[in-house]
């Protein structure tokens, strides 16, 4: 069992905040099925205004969950696989530390 450090908890909090909106989850779900895609692909796939898509992409990128590469006049987006794996590990460690602490499976045992 691994307890998360303060830095890891802070990072997990940033990731949770970025994932805390349905449209962002839709964007992540879409990007996870693609090897790469352009902004227009996201906008065409999801019924979200362009300005709103832009804001959500910015939040996901700031959290490190996605990355974007500029190919003027377009921007290509994809899942940041390295950070995605790190986020997965943080979530696993966090949930495992809560369920395995002191051999208990719940806080009420």
Protein backbone atom coordinates (compact mmCIF):
# COMPACT_ATOMS: atom_id res chain seq x y z
CA UNK A 1 0.00 0.00 0.00
CA UNK A 2 1.37 3.38 -1.02
CA UNK A 3 0.22 6.56 0.65
CA UNK A 4 0.25 9.57 -1.64
CA UNK A 5 2.59 12.44 -0.89
CA UNK A 6 1.32 16.00 -0.58
CA UNK A 7 2.60 16.76 -4.12
CA UNK A 8 0.83 13.68 -5.49
CA UNK A 9 -2.41 14.66 -3.75
CA UNK A 10 -2.13 18.16 -5.21
CA UNK A 11 -1.60 16.73 -8.71
CA UNK A 12 -4.51 14.35 -8.28
CA UNK A 13 -6.67 17.31 -7.23
CA UNK A 14 -5.73 19.21 -10.41
CA UNK A 15 -6.57 16.16 -12.51
CA UNK A 16 -9.91 15.67 -10.74
CA UNK A 17 -10.80 19.31 -11.27
CA UNK A 18 -9.99 19.04 -14.98
CA UNK A 19 -12.08 15.88 -15.27
CA UNK A 20 -14.91 17.36 -13.20
CA UNK A 21 -17.01 18.52 -16.15
CA UNK A 22 -19.13 16.30 -18.39
CA UNK A 23 -17.96 18.02 -21.59
CA UNK A 24 -14.33 17.44 -20.64
CA UNK A 25 -15.05 13.79 -19.99
CA UNK A 26 -16.71 13.61 -23.42
CA UNK A 27 -13.61 15.18 -24.98
CA UNK A 28 -11.31 12.75 -23.15
CA UNK A 29 -13.49 9.82 -24.18
CA UNK A 30 -13.38 10.94 -27.80
CA UNK A 31 -9.63 11.58 -27.79
CA UNK A 32 -8.96 8.22 -26.14
CA UNK A 33 -10.43 6.51 -29.20
CA UNK A 34 -8.23 8.50 -31.61
CA UNK A 35 -4.51 8.44 -32.27
CA UNK A 36 -4.72 12.15 -33.01
CA UNK A 37 -7.32 14.65 -34.09
CA UNK A 38 -7.68 18.30 -34.90
CA UNK A 39 -9.77 20.88 -33.10
CA UNK A 40 -12.38 20.77 -35.87
CA UNK A 41 -12.78 17.01 -35.42
CA UNK A 42 -13.66 17.50 -31.75
CA UNK A 43 -16.07 20.32 -32.54
CA UNK A 44 -17.78 18.24 -35.25
CA UNK A 45 -18.06 15.16 -33.03
CA UNK A 46 -19.39 16.86 -29.90
CA UNK A 47 -22.34 19.27 -29.77
CA UNK A 48 -20.36 22.00 -28.02
CA UNK A 49 -19.71 25.56 -29.18
CA UNK A 50 -16.20 26.20 -30.52
CA UNK A 51 -15.36 28.67 -27.76
CA UNK A 52 -16.49 26.16 -25.15
CA UNK A 53 -14.44 23.36 -26.74
CA UNK A 54 -11.43 25.67 -26.68
CA UNK A 55 -11.86 26.42 -22.98
CA UNK A 56 -12.25 22.74 -22.08
CA UNK A 57 -9.20 21.79 -24.14
CA UNK A 58 -7.21 24.47 -22.31
CA UNK A 59 -8.22 23.04 -18.92
CA UNK A 60 -7.36 19.47 -19.96
CA UNK A 61 -4.05 20.60 -21.41
CA UNK A 62 -3.16 22.60 -18.27
CA UNK A 63 -3.81 19.47 -16.20
CA UNK A 64 -1.47 17.53 -18.50
CA UNK A 65 -4.11 15.04 -19.62
CA UNK A 66 -3.88 16.04 -23.27
CA UNK A 67 -1.32 17.67 -25.49
CA UNK A 68 -1.67 19.85 -28.53
CA UNK A 69 0.68 20.53 -31.41
CA UNK A 70 0.28 23.55 -33.63
CA UNK A 71 0.23 22.90 -37.36
CA UNK A 72 -0.85 26.30 -38.64
CA UNK A 73 -3.64 27.01 -39.10
CA UNK A 74 -4.73 23.93 -37.10
CA UNK A 75 -3.99 22.40 -33.72
CA UNK A 76 -3.73 18.63 -33.38
CA UNK A 77 -4.72 17.12 -30.00
CA UNK A 78 -4.14 13.73 -28.41
CA UNK A 79 -4.10 12.08 -25.00
CA UNK A 80 -0.81 12.63 -23.18
CA UNK A 81 -0.19 8.91 -22.61
CA UNK A 82 2.63 9.40 -20.09
CA UNK A 83 0.54 11.70 -17.89
CA UNK A 84 -2.50 9.49 -18.45
CA UNK A 85 -0.59 6.52 -16.97
CA UNK A 86 0.59 8.71 -14.08
CA UNK A 87 -2.99 9.80 -13.38
CA UNK A 88 -4.15 6.19 -13.48
CA UNK A 89 -1.45 5.20 -11.00
CA UNK A 90 -2.34 8.11 -8.69
CA UNK A 91 -6.01 7.11 -8.70
CA UNK A 92 -5.10 3.47 -8.06
CA UNK A 93 -2.75 4.37 -5.20
CA UNK A 94 -5.29 6.77 -3.71
CA UNK A 95 -8.20 4.32 -3.74
CA UNK A 96 -6.04 1.40 -2.63
CA UNK A 97 -4.67 3.39 0.31
CA UNK A 98 -8.22 4.12 1.46
CA UNK A 99 -9.51 0.57 1.19
CA UNK A 100 -6.45 -1.22 2.56
CA UNK A 101 -5.59 1.00 5.52
CA UNK A 102 -5.35 -1.04 8.74
CA UNK A 103 -6.65 -4.11 6.91
CA UNK A 104 -10.13 -2.60 6.74
CA UNK A 105 -12.22 -2.69 3.61
CA UNK A 106 -14.44 0.22 4.68
CA UNK A 107 -14.14 3.00 7.21
CA UNK A 108 -16.99 1.54 9.25
CA UNK A 109 -15.52 -1.93 9.87
